[in-house]
Amino acid sequence: STVVNSRDGYMMILSEAWRDNITTEQNAEQASLSFYQWRRAASATESGSRGELLLRIYVMTQEQWNAQAETTQLHKLKQHSNIVFAAELPQTQSELGLTLQETEQYFKIFTQG
């Protein structure tokens, strides 16, 4: 299973633990895609709810990366031409939290720009 961001040219492969246990939110203004834990409802008649932030991926230019690289907690995942793909990995108590190494393993770019 994967989550594909065709607009920005990347995807995240979902680990077995993440399947059916996450939800996402895209923010076009910030050029980011956030992954949250999904909390299932107690019964089938109720809807679930968004839980803790597990991962946020940002897409930015090399200049934007250079301007903020030393003042944030972002990690550069990959670079393609002038585009940098960076991850924010918040501290979480969730068993679904990822390490930087896992994030790098599951993150793939496919952009041709």
PDB file of N, CA and C in Angstrom:
ATOM      1  N   SER A   1       0.840  -1.187   0.000  1.00  0.00           N
ATOM      2  CA  SER A   1       0.000   0.000   0.000  1.00  0.00           C
ATOM      3  C   SER A   1       0.879   1.242   0.000  1.00  0.00           C
ATOM      4  N   THR A   2       0.405   2.280  -0.646  1.00  0.00           N
ATOM      5  CA  THR A   2       1.144   3.533  -0.716  1.00  0.00           C
ATOM      6  C   THR A   2       0.187   4.721  -0.614  1.00  0.00           C
ATOM      7  N   VAL A   3       0.762   5.860  -0.232  1.00  0.00           N
ATOM      8  CA  VAL A   3       0.085   7.144  -0.350  1.00  0.00           C
ATOM      9  C   VAL A   3       0.874   7.903  -1.401  1.00  0.00           C
ATOM     10  N   VAL A   4       0.197   8.300  -2.482  1.00  0.00           N
ATOM     11  CA  VAL A   4       0.851   8.956  -3.601  1.00  0.00           C
ATOM     12  C   VAL A   4       0.491  10.440  -3.620  1.00  0.00           C
ATOM     13  N   ASN A   5       1.509  11.276  -3.733  1.00  0.00           N
ATOM     14  CA  ASN A   5       1.309  12.702  -3.928  1.00  0.00           C
ATOM     15  C   ASN A   5       1.741  12.989  -5.358  1.00  0.00           C
ATOM     16  N   SER A   6       0.813  12.853  -6.296  1.00  0.00           N
ATOM     17  CA  SER A   6       1.157  13.018  -7.710  1.00  0.00           C
ATOM     18  C   SER A   6       1.466  14.472  -8.054  1.00  0.00           C
ATOM     19  N   ARG A   7       0.918  15.399  -7.318  1.00  0.00           N
ATOM     20  CA  ARG A   7       1.189  16.824  -7.565  1.00  0.00           C
ATOM     21  C   ARG A   7       2.658  17.162  -7.332  1.00  0.00           C
ATOM     22  N   ASP A   8       3.223  16.588  -6.255  1.00  0.00           N
ATOM     23  CA  ASP A   8       4.606  16.902  -5.911  1.00  0.00           C
ATOM     24  C   ASP A   8       5.590  15.803  -6.313  1.00  0.00           C
ATOM     25  N   GLY A   9       5.099  14.686  -6.849  1.00  0.00           N
ATOM     26  CA  GLY A   9       5.978  13.679  -7.419  1.00  0.00           C
ATOM     27  C   GLY A   9       6.653  12.740  -6.436  1.00  0.00           C
ATOM     28  N   TYR A  10       5.939  12.333  -5.389  1.00  0.00           N
ATOM     29  CA  TYR A  10       6.527  11.366  -4.459  1.00  0.00           C
ATOM     30  C   TYR A  10       5.450  10.466  -3.879  1.00  0.00           C
ATOM     31  N   MET A  11       5.917   9.411  -3.207  1.00  0.00           N
ATOM     32  CA  MET A  11       4.991   8.515  -2.518  1.00  0.00           C
ATOM     33  C   MET A  11       5.637   7.987  -1.255  1.00  0.00           C
ATOM     34  N   MET A  12       4.774   7.555  -0.339  1.00  0.00           N
ATOM     35  CA  MET A  12       5.204   6.881   0.879  1.00  0.00           C
ATOM     36  C   MET A  12       4.656   5.468   0.832  1.00  0.00           C
ATOM     37  N   ILE A  13       5.541   4.505   0.946  1.00  0.00           N
ATOM     38  CA  ILE A  13       5.112   3.121   1.082  1.00  0.00           C
ATOM     39  C   ILE A  13       4.649   2.952   2.524  1.00  0.00           C
ATOM     40  N   LEU A  14       3.513   2.318   2.710  1.00  0.00           N
ATOM     41  CA  LEU A  14       2.971   2.156   4.051  1.00  0.00           C
ATOM     42  C   LEU A  14       3.436   0.841   4.655  1.00  0.00           C
ATOM     43  N   SER A  15       3.966   0.937   5.847  1.00  0.00           N
ATOM     44  CA  SER A  15       4.348  -0.271   6.571  1.00  0.00           C
ATOM     45  C   SER A  15       3.085  -1.043   6.930  1.00  0.00           C
ATOM     46  N   GLU A  16       3.244  -2.279   7.280  1.00  0.00           N
ATOM     47  CA  GLU A  16       2.098  -3.102   7.700  1.00  0.00           C
ATOM     48  C   GLU A  16       1.353  -2.435   8.864  1.00  0.00           C
ATOM     49  N   ALA A  17       2.099  -1.871   9.798  1.00  0.00           N
ATOM     50  CA  ALA A  17       1.483  -1.224  10.966  1.00  0.00           C
ATOM     51  C   ALA A  17       0.653  -0.001  10.575  1.00  0.00           C
ATOM     52  N   TRP A  18       1.040   0.701   9.507  1.00  0.00           N
ATOM     53  CA  TRP A  18       0.330   1.908   9.100  1.00  0.00           C
ATOM     54  C   TRP A  18      -0.935   1.610   8.309  1.00  0.00           C
ATOM     55  N   ARG A  19      -1.026   0.464   7.674  1.00  0.00           N
ATOM     56  CA  ARG A  19      -2.189   0.154   6.839  1.00  0.00           C
ATOM     57  C   ARG A  19      -3.456   0.181   7.682  1.00  0.00           C
ATOM     58  N   ASP A  20      -4.428   0.934   7.216  1.00  0.00           N
ATOM     59  CA  ASP A  20      -5.724   1.099   7.880  1.00  0.00           C
ATOM     60  C   ASP A  20      -5.631   1.803   9.232  1.00  0.00           C
ATOM     61  N   ASN A  21      -4.478   2.383   9.555  1.00  0.00           N
ATOM     62  CA  ASN A  21      -4.295   3.038  10.854  1.00  0.00           C
ATOM     63  C   ASN A  21      -3.849   4.491  10.749  1.00  0.00           C
ATOM     64  N   ILE A  22      -3.816   5.034   9.523  1.00  0.00           N
ATOM     65  CA  ILE A  22      -3.411   6.429   9.357  1.00  0.00           C
ATOM     66  C   ILE A  22      -4.431   7.176   8.508  1.00  0.00           C
ATOM     67  N   THR A  23      -4.357   8.484   8.582  1.00  0.00           N
ATOM     68  CA  THR A  23      -5.102   9.364   7.697  1.00  0.00           C
ATOM     69  C   THR A  23      -4.144  10.492   7.309  1.00  0.00           C
ATOM     70  N   THR A  24      -4.413  11.148   6.195  1.00  0.00           N
ATOM     71  CA  THR A  24      -3.508  12.196   5.720  1.00  0.00           C
ATOM     72  C   THR A  24      -4.255  13.511   5.533  1.00  0.00           C
ATOM     73  N   GLU A  25      -3.468  14.568   5.491  1.00  0.00           N
ATOM     74  CA  GLU A  25      -4.018  15.900   5.219  1.00  0.00           C
ATOM     75  C   GLU A  25      -2.988  16.669   4.407  1.00  0.00           C
ATOM     76  N   GLN A  26      -3.405  17.158   3.248  1.00  0.00           N
ATOM     77  CA  GLN A  26      -2.502  17.930   2.396  1.00  0.00           C
ATOM     78  C   GLN A  26      -2.750  19.413   2.610  1.00  0.00           C
ATOM     79  N   ASN A  27      -1.653  20.179   2.660  1.00  0.00           N
ATOM     80  CA  ASN A  27      -1.732  21.625   2.796  1.00  0.00           C
ATOM     81  C   ASN A  27      -0.976  22.221   1.614  1.00  0.00           C
ATOM     82  N   ALA A  28      -1.709  22.654   0.601  1.00  0.00           N
ATOM     83  CA  ALA A  28      -1.092  23.181  -0.613  1.00  0.00           C
ATOM     84  C   ALA A  28      -0.314  24.469  -0.341  1.00  0.00           C
ATOM     85  N   GLU A  29      -0.812  25.291   0.591  1.00  0.00           N
ATOM     86  CA  GLU A  29      -0.140  26.542   0.926  1.00  0.00           C
ATOM     87  C   GLU A  29       1.261  26.306   1.479  1.00  0.00           C
ATOM     88  N   GLN A  30       1.410  25.306   2.339  1.00  0.00           N
ATOM     89  CA  GLN A  30       2.707  24.982   2.938  1.00  0.00           C
ATOM     90  C   GLN A  30       3.473  23.947   2.128  1.00  0.00           C
ATOM     91  N   ALA A  31       2.867  23.441   1.051  1.00  0.00           N
ATOM     92  CA  ALA A  31       3.455  22.359   0.250  1.00  0.00           C
ATOM     93  C   ALA A  31       3.844  21.193   1.163  1.00  0.00           C
ATOM     94  N   SER A  32       2.852  20.744   1.951  1.00  0.00           N
ATOM     95  CA  SER A  32       3.125  19.660   2.895  1.00  0.00           C
ATOM     96  C   SER A  32       2.020  18.616   2.862  1.00  0.00           C
ATOM     97  N   LEU A  33       2.395  17.417   3.269  1.00  0.00           N
ATOM     98  CA  LEU A  33       1.459  16.317   3.435  1.00  0.00           C
ATOM     99  C   LEU A  33       1.707  15.743   4.823  1.00  0.00           C
ATOM    100  N   SER A  34       0.660  15.715   5.648  1.00  0.00           N
ATOM    101  CA  SER A  34       0.773  15.252   7.030  1.00  0.00           C
ATOM    102  C   SER A  34       0.127  13.883   7.180  1.00  0.00           C
ATOM    103  N   PHE A  35       0.761  13.035   7.967  1.00  0.00           N
ATOM    104  CA  PHE A  35       0.267  11.699   8.270  1.00  0.00           C
ATOM    105  C   PHE A  35      -0.085  11.656   9.759  1.00  0.00           C
ATOM    106  N   TYR A  36      -1.318  11.259  10.051  1.00  0.00           N
ATOM    107  CA  TYR A  36      -1.807  11.196  11.424  1.00  0.00           C
ATOM    108  C   TYR A  36      -2.271   9.775  11.744  1.00  0.00           C
ATOM    109  N   GLN A  37      -2.181   9.424  13.007  1.00  0.00           N
ATOM    110  CA  GLN A  37      -2.765   8.167  13.445  1.00  0.00           C
ATOM    111  C   GLN A  37      -4.282   8.290  13.335  1.00  0.00           C
ATOM    112  N   TRP A  38      -4.942   7.236  12.863  1.00  0.00           N
ATOM    113  CA  TRP A  38      -6.400   7.217  12.790  1.00  0.00           C
ATOM    114  C   TRP A  38      -6.934   6.407  13.966  1.00  0.00           C
ATOM    115  N   ARG A  39      -7.788   7.039  14.735  1.00  0.00           N
ATOM    116  CA  ARG A  39      -8.387   6.367  15.892  1.00  0.00           C
ATOM    117  C   ARG A  39      -9.775   5.874  15.495  1.00  0.00           C
ATOM    118  N   ARG A  40      -9.920   4.578  15.512  1.00  0.00           N
ATOM    119  CA  ARG A  40     -11.191   3.976  15.131  1.00  0.00           C
ATOM    120  C   ARG A  40     -12.264   4.271  16.183  1.00  0.00           C
ATOM    121  N   ALA A  41     -13.480   4.357  15.713  1.00  0.00           N
ATOM    122  CA  ALA A  41     -14.614   4.582  16.616  1.00  0.00           C
ATOM    123  C   ALA A  41     -14.934   3.292  17.360  1.00  0.00           C
ATOM    124  N   ALA A  42     -15.583   3.433  18.494  1.00  0.00           N
ATOM    125  CA  ALA A  42     -15.945   2.282  19.319  1.00  0.00           C
ATOM    126  C   ALA A  42     -17.011   1.418  18.651  1.00  0.00           C
ATOM    127  N   SER A  43     -17.855   2.040  17.813  1.00  0.00           N
ATOM    128  CA  SER A  43     -18.893   1.262  17.130  1.00  0.00           C
ATOM    129  C   SER A  43     -18.944   1.657  15.657  1.00  0.00           C
ATOM    130  N   ALA A  44     -19.576   0.816  14.870  1.00  0.00           N
ATOM    131  CA  ALA A  44     -19.656   1.046  13.427  1.00  0.00           C
ATOM    132  C   ALA A  44     -20.533   2.243  13.075  1.00  0.00           C
ATOM    133  N   THR A  45     -21.373   2.698  13.991  1.00  0.00           N
ATOM    134  CA  THR A  45     -22.251   3.829  13.711  1.00  0.00           C
ATOM    135  C   THR A  45     -21.584   5.177  13.980  1.00  0.00           C
ATOM    136  N   GLU A  46     -20.403   5.169  14.582  1.00  0.00           N
ATOM    137  CA  GLU A  46     -19.673   6.409  14.864  1.00  0.00           C
ATOM    138  C   GLU A  46     -18.498   6.528  13.906  1.00  0.00           C
ATOM    139  N   SER A  47     -18.063   7.762  13.691  1.00  0.00           N
ATOM    140  CA  SER A  47     -16.874   7.943  12.863  1.00  0.00           C
ATOM    141  C   SER A  47     -15.640   7.986  13.767  1.00  0.00           C
ATOM    142  N   GLY A  48     -14.492   7.692  13.184  1.00  0.00           N
ATOM    143  CA  GLY A  48     -13.253   7.751  13.942  1.00  0.00           C
ATOM    144  C   GLY A  48     -12.765   9.186  14.053  1.00  0.00           C
ATOM    145  N   SER A  49     -11.544   9.336  14.545  1.00  0.00           N
ATOM    146  CA  SER A  49     -10.986  10.675  14.688  1.00  0.00           C
ATOM    147  C   SER A  49      -9.487  10.664  14.412  1.00  0.00           C
ATOM    148  N   ARG A  50      -8.997  11.836  14.066  1.00  0.00           N
ATOM    149  CA  ARG A  50      -7.580  12.008  13.799  1.00  0.00           C
ATOM    150  C   ARG A  50      -6.828  12.062  15.113  1.00  0.00           C
ATOM    151  N   GLY A  51      -5.741  11.296  15.188  1.00  0.00           N
ATOM    152  CA  GLY A  51      -4.920  11.260  16.384  1.00  0.00           C
ATOM    153  C   GLY A  51      -3.641  12.062  16.209  1.00  0.00           C
ATOM    154  N   GLU A  52      -2.570  11.545  16.788  1.00  0.00           N
ATOM    155  CA  GLU A  52      -1.278  12.234  16.800  1.00  0.00           C
ATOM    156  C   GLU A  52      -0.665  12.381  15.409  1.00  0.00           C
ATOM    157  N   LEU A  53       0.059  13.488  15.221  1.00  0.00           N
ATOM    158  CA  LEU A  53       0.843  13.680  14.013  1.00  0.00           C
ATOM    159  C   LEU A  53       2.020  12.709  14.052  1.00  0.00           C
ATOM    160  N   LEU A  54       2.185  11.924  12.979  1.00  0.00           N
ATOM    161  CA  LEU A  54       3.263  10.946  12.905  1.00  0.00           C
ATOM    162  C   LEU A  54       4.402  11.408  12.009  1.00  0.00           C
ATOM    163  N   LEU A  55       4.051  12.141  10.938  1.00  0.00           N
ATOM    164  CA  LEU A  55       5.035  12.544   9.941  1.00  0.00           C
ATOM    165  C   LEU A  55       4.453  13.667   9.111  1.00  0.00           C
ATOM    166  N   ARG A  56       5.298  14.632   8.736  1.00  0.00           N
ATOM    167  CA  ARG A  56       4.899  15.677   7.793  1.00  0.00           C
ATOM    168  C   ARG A  56       6.010  15.799   6.764  1.00  0.00           C
ATOM    169  N   ILE A  57       5.644  15.747   5.497  1.00  0.00           N
ATOM    170  CA  ILE A  57       6.608  15.879   4.405  1.00  0.00           C
ATOM    171  C   ILE A  57       6.402  17.230   3.737  1.00  0.00           C
ATOM    172  N   TYR A  58       7.497  17.943   3.551  1.00  0.00           N
ATOM    173  CA  TYR A  58       7.483  19.246   2.887  1.00  0.00           C
ATOM    174  C   TYR A  58       8.231  19.144   1.563  1.00  0.00           C
ATOM    175  N   VAL A  59       7.776  19.945   0.603  1.00  0.00           N
ATOM    176  CA  VAL A  59       8.455  20.078  -0.686  1.00  0.00           C
ATOM    177  C   VAL A  59       8.828  21.545  -0.822  1.00  0.00           C
ATOM    178  N   MET A  60      10.113  21.798  -1.093  1.00  0.00           N
ATOM    179  CA  MET A  60      10.579  23.183  -1.183  1.00  0.00           C
ATOM    180  C   MET A  60      11.736  23.291  -2.165  1.00  0.00           C
ATOM    181  N   THR A  61      12.053  24.515  -2.525  1.00  0.00           N
ATOM    182  CA  THR A  61      13.204  24.732  -3.407  1.00  0.00           C
ATOM    183  C   THR A  61      14.491  24.624  -2.586  1.00  0.00           C
ATOM    184  N   GLN A  62      15.586  24.486  -3.275  1.00  0.00           N
ATOM    185  CA  GLN A  62      16.887  24.439  -2.596  1.00  0.00           C
ATOM    186  C   GLN A  62      17.119  25.727  -1.809  1.00  0.00           C
ATOM    187  N   GLU A  63      16.717  26.861  -2.366  1.00  0.00           N
ATOM    188  CA  GLU A  63      16.889  28.140  -1.668  1.00  0.00           C
ATOM    189  C   GLU A  63      16.071  28.185  -0.383  1.00  0.00           C
ATOM    190  N   GLN A  64      14.837  27.691  -0.429  1.00  0.00           N
ATOM    191  CA  GLN A  64      14.009  27.645   0.785  1.00  0.00           C
ATOM    192  C   GLN A  64      14.644  26.731   1.829  1.00  0.00           C
ATOM    193  N   TRP A  65      15.173  25.596   1.384  1.00  0.00           N
ATOM    194  CA  TRP A  65      15.839  24.670   2.307  1.00  0.00           C
ATOM    195  C   TRP A  65      17.040  25.358   2.956  1.00  0.00           C
ATOM    196  N   ASN A  66      17.868  26.007   2.157  1.00  0.00           N
ATOM    197  CA  ASN A  66      19.055  26.674   2.677  1.00  0.00           C
ATOM    198  C   ASN A  66      18.700  27.767   3.685  1.00  0.00           C
ATOM    199  N   ALA A  67      17.593  28.458   3.444  1.00  0.00           N
ATOM    200  CA  ALA A  67      17.195  29.566   4.312  1.00  0.00           C
ATOM    201  C   ALA A  67      16.726  29.092   5.690  1.00  0.00           C
ATOM    202  N   GLN A  68      16.235  27.880   5.797  1.00  0.00           N
ATOM    203  CA  GLN A  68      15.679  27.421   7.069  1.00  0.00           C
ATOM    204  C   GLN A  68      16.389  26.210   7.651  1.00  0.00           C
ATOM    205  N   ALA A  69      17.297  25.606   6.952  1.00  0.00           N
ATOM    206  CA  ALA A  69      17.869  24.307   7.333  1.00  0.00           C
ATOM    207  C   ALA A  69      18.441  24.268   8.744  1.00  0.00           C
ATOM    208  N   GLU A  70      19.027  25.368   9.208  1.00  0.00           N
ATOM    209  CA  GLU A  70      19.656  25.348  10.529  1.00  0.00           C
ATOM    210  C   GLU A  70      18.716  25.766  11.657  1.00  0.00           C
ATOM    211  N   THR A  71      17.510  26.213  11.310  1.00  0.00           N
ATOM    212  CA  THR A  71      16.604  26.721  12.347  1.00  0.00           C
ATOM    213  C   THR A  71      15.386  25.835  12.569  1.00  0.00           C
ATOM    214  N   THR A  72      15.305  24.706  11.893  1.00  0.00           N
ATOM    215  CA  THR A  72      14.143  23.831  12.058  1.00  0.00           C
ATOM    216  C   THR A  72      14.591  22.413  12.387  1.00  0.00           C
ATOM    217  N   GLN A  73      13.618  21.594  12.641  1.00  0.00           N
ATOM    218  CA  GLN A  73      13.870  20.182  12.926  1.00  0.00           C
ATOM    219  C   GLN A  73      13.551  19.310  11.713  1.00  0.00           C
ATOM    220  N   LEU A  74      13.672  19.876  10.524  1.00  0.00           N
ATOM    221  CA  LEU A  74      13.394  19.116   9.309  1.00  0.00           C
ATOM    222  C   LEU A  74      14.619  18.299   8.902  1.00  0.00           C
ATOM    223  N   HIS A  75      14.352  17.150   8.294  1.00  0.00           N
ATOM    224  CA  HIS A  75      15.405  16.266   7.802  1.00  0.00           C
ATOM    225  C   HIS A  75      15.269  16.143   6.291  1.00  0.00           C
ATOM    226  N   LYS A  76      16.350  16.369   5.581  1.00  0.00           N
ATOM    227  CA  LYS A  76      16.323  16.239   4.134  1.00  0.00           C
ATOM    228  C   LYS A  76      16.239  14.759   3.781  1.00  0.00           C
ATOM    229  N   LEU A  77      15.178  14.399   3.060  1.00  0.00           N
ATOM    230  CA  LEU A  77      15.005  13.010   2.635  1.00  0.00           C
ATOM    231  C   LEU A  77      15.688  12.759   1.299  1.00  0.00           C
ATOM    232  N   LYS A  78      15.356  13.592   0.333  1.00  0.00           N
ATOM    233  CA  LYS A  78      15.902  13.453  -1.015  1.00  0.00           C
ATOM    234  C   LYS A  78      15.904  14.820  -1.672  1.00  0.00           C
ATOM    235  N   GLN A  79      16.643  14.888  -2.769  1.00  0.00           N
ATOM    236  CA  GLN A  79      16.651  16.095  -3.587  1.00  0.00           C
ATOM    237  C   GLN A  79      16.593  15.668  -5.038  1.00  0.00           C
ATOM    238  N   HIS A  80      15.814  16.406  -5.825  1.00  0.00           N
ATOM    239  CA  HIS A  80      15.722  16.160  -7.266  1.00  0.00           C
ATOM    240  C   HIS A  80      15.810  17.518  -7.941  1.00  0.00           C
ATOM    241  N   SER A  81      16.893  17.726  -8.682  1.00  0.00           N
ATOM    242  CA  SER A  81      17.165  19.033  -9.288  1.00  0.00           C
ATOM    243  C   SER A  81      17.179  20.084  -8.182  1.00  0.00           C
ATOM    244  N   ASN A  82      16.321  21.097  -8.302  1.00  0.00           N
ATOM    245  CA  ASN A  82      16.285  22.183  -7.328  1.00  0.00           C
ATOM    246  C   ASN A  82      15.225  21.970  -6.244  1.00  0.00           C
ATOM    247  N   ILE A  83      14.621  20.790  -6.199  1.00  0.00           N
ATOM    248  CA  ILE A  83      13.540  20.516  -5.260  1.00  0.00           C
ATOM    249  C   ILE A  83      14.046  19.623  -4.127  1.00  0.00           C
ATOM    250  N   VAL A  84      13.755  20.045  -2.888  1.00  0.00           N
ATOM    251  CA  VAL A  84      14.138  19.283  -1.698  1.00  0.00           C
ATOM    252  C   VAL A  84      12.874  18.711  -1.063  1.00  0.00           C
ATOM    253  N   PHE A  85      12.944  17.452  -0.686  1.00  0.00           N
ATOM    254  CA  PHE A  85      11.879  16.769   0.029  1.00  0.00           C
ATOM    255  C   PHE A  85      12.372  16.588   1.461  1.00  0.00           C
ATOM    256  N   ALA A  86      11.655  17.169   2.409  1.00  0.00           N
ATOM    257  CA  ALA A  86      12.094  17.155   3.807  1.00  0.00           C
ATOM    258  C   ALA A  86      10.999  16.586   4.701  1.00  0.00           C
ATOM    259  N   ALA A  87      11.422  15.989   5.815  1.00  0.00           N
ATOM    260  CA  ALA A  87      10.474  15.371   6.740  1.00  0.00           C
ATOM    261  C   ALA A  87      10.572  16.002   8.118  1.00  0.00           C
ATOM    262  N   GLU A  88       9.417  16.171   8.718  1.00  0.00           N
ATOM    263  CA  GLU A  88       9.308  16.543  10.135  1.00  0.00           C
ATOM    264  C   GLU A  88       8.838  15.289  10.862  1.00  0.00           C
ATOM    265  N   LEU A  89       9.604  14.858  11.841  1.00  0.00           N
ATOM    266  CA  LEU A  89       9.282  13.661  12.621  1.00  0.00           C
ATOM    267  C   LEU A  89       9.048  14.067  14.074  1.00  0.00           C
ATOM    268  N   PRO A  90       7.811  14.386  14.416  1.00  0.00           N
ATOM    269  CA  PRO A  90       7.540  14.825  15.788  1.00  0.00           C
ATOM    270  C   PRO A  90       7.714  13.676  16.771  1.00  0.00           C
ATOM    271  N   GLN A  91       8.060  14.031  17.995  1.00  0.00           N
ATOM    272  CA  GLN A  91       8.118  13.009  19.037  1.00  0.00           C
ATOM    273  C   GLN A  91       6.694  12.573  19.327  1.00  0.00           C
ATOM    274  N   THR A  92       6.506  11.283  19.427  1.00  0.00           N
ATOM    275  CA  THR A  92       5.169  10.748  19.646  1.00  0.00           C
ATOM    276  C   THR A  92       5.235   9.551  20.577  1.00  0.00           C
ATOM    277  N   GLN A  93       4.168   9.348  21.283  1.00  0.00           N
ATOM    278  CA  GLN A  93       4.040   8.167  22.133  1.00  0.00           C
ATOM    279  C   GLN A  93       3.395   7.016  21.365  1.00  0.00           C
ATOM    280  N   SER A  94       2.978   7.284  20.148  1.00  0.00           N
ATOM    281  CA  SER A  94       2.287   6.286  19.340  1.00  0.00           C
ATOM    282  C   SER A  94       3.224   5.163  18.911  1.00  0.00           C
ATOM    283  N   GLU A  95       2.703   3.946  18.900  1.00  0.00           N
ATOM    284  CA  GLU A  95       3.468   2.810  18.395  1.00  0.00           C
ATOM    285  C   GLU A  95       3.660   2.898  16.884  1.00  0.00           C
ATOM    286  N   LEU A  96       2.997   3.839  16.242  1.00  0.00           N
ATOM    287  CA  LEU A  96       3.114   4.018  14.794  1.00  0.00           C
ATOM    288  C   LEU A  96       4.202   5.018  14.408  1.00  0.00           C
ATOM    289  N   GLY A  97       4.870   5.609  15.382  1.00  0.00           N
ATOM    290  CA  GLY A  97       5.933   6.563  15.095  1.00  0.00           C
ATOM    291  C   GLY A  97       7.044   5.924  14.272  1.00  0.00           C
ATOM    292  N   LEU A  98       7.653   6.713  13.390  1.00  0.00           N
ATOM    293  CA  LEU A  98       8.728   6.234  12.518  1.00  0.00           C
ATOM    294  C   LEU A  98      10.066   6.828  12.928  1.00  0.00           C
ATOM    295  N   THR A  99      11.121   6.106  12.649  1.00  0.00           N
ATOM    296  CA  THR A  99      12.464   6.652  12.779  1.00  0.00           C
ATOM    297  C   THR A  99      12.818   7.355  11.467  1.00  0.00           C
ATOM    298  N   LEU A 100      13.873   8.133  11.476  1.00  0.00           N
ATOM    299  CA  LEU A 100      14.332   8.772  10.246  1.00  0.00           C
ATOM    300  C   LEU A 100      14.719   7.712   9.219  1.00  0.00           C
ATOM    301  N   GLN A 101      15.370   6.644   9.654  1.00  0.00           N
ATOM    302  CA  GLN A 101      15.779   5.582   8.735  1.00  0.00           C
ATOM    303  C   GLN A 101      14.568   4.906   8.088  1.00  0.00           C
ATOM    304  N   GLU A 102      13.519   4.658   8.852  1.00  0.00           N
ATOM    305  CA  GLU A 102      12.309   4.065   8.283  1.00  0.00           C
ATOM    306  C   GLU A 102      11.660   5.023   7.287  1.00  0.00           C
ATOM    307  N   THR A 103      11.610   6.296   7.633  1.00  0.00           N
ATOM    308  CA  THR A 103      11.023   7.295   6.741  1.00  0.00           C
ATOM    309  C   THR A 103      11.796   7.334   5.424  1.00  0.00           C
ATOM    310  N   GLU A 104      13.119   7.343   5.494  1.00  0.00           N
ATOM    311  CA  GLU A 104      13.932   7.345   4.271  1.00  0.00           C
ATOM    312  C   GLU A 104      13.686   6.085   3.440  1.00  0.00           C
ATOM    313  N   GLN A 105      13.495   4.963   4.093  1.00  0.00           N
ATOM    314  CA  GLN A 105      13.261   3.703   3.394  1.00  0.00           C
ATOM    315  C   GLN A 105      11.912   3.711   2.675  1.00  0.00           C
ATOM    316  N   TYR A 106      10.879   4.263   3.299  1.00  0.00           N
ATOM    317  CA  TYR A 106       9.528   4.228   2.742  1.00  0.00           C
ATOM    318  C   TYR A 106       9.247   5.367   1.757  1.00  0.00           C
ATOM    319  N   PHE A 107      10.075   6.395   1.735  1.00  0.00           N
ATOM    320  CA  PHE A 107       9.848   7.568   0.890  1.00  0.00           C
ATOM    321  C   PHE A 107      10.484   7.348  -0.486  1.00  0.00           C
ATOM    322  N   LYS A 108       9.725   7.583  -1.551  1.00  0.00           N
ATOM    323  CA  LYS A 108      10.224   7.421  -2.923  1.00  0.00           C
ATOM    324  C   LYS A 108       9.769   8.603  -3.769  1.00  0.00           C
ATOM    325  N   ILE A 109      10.679   9.123  -4.591  1.00  0.00           N
ATOM    326  CA  ILE A 109      10.272  10.173  -5.544  1.00  0.00           C
ATOM    327  C   ILE A 109      10.128   9.548  -6.923  1.00  0.00           C
ATOM    328  N   PHE A 110       9.246  10.141  -7.706  1.00  0.00           N
ATOM    329  CA  PHE A 110       9.062   9.694  -9.085  1.00  0.00           C
ATOM    330  C   PHE A 110       8.919  10.865 -10.041  1.00  0.00           C
ATOM    331  N   THR A 111       9.216  12.062  -9.560  1.00  0.00           N
ATOM    332  CA  THR A 111       9.076  13.257 -10.384  1.00  0.00           C
ATOM    333  C   THR A 111      10.067  13.228 -11.543  1.00  0.00           C
ATOM    334  N   GLN A 112       9.666  13.778 -12.647  1.00  0.00           N
ATOM    335  CA  GLN A 112      10.539  13.851 -13.828  1.00  0.00           C
ATOM    336  C   GLN A 112      10.913  15.288 -14.119  1.00  0.00           C
ATOM    337  N   GLY A 113      10.687  16.203 -13.158  1.00  0.00           N
ATOM    338  CA  GLY A 113      10.923  17.629 -13.384  1.00  0.00           C
ATOM    339  C   GLY A 113      12.321  17.956 -13.186  1.00  0.00           C
TER     340      GLY A 113
END
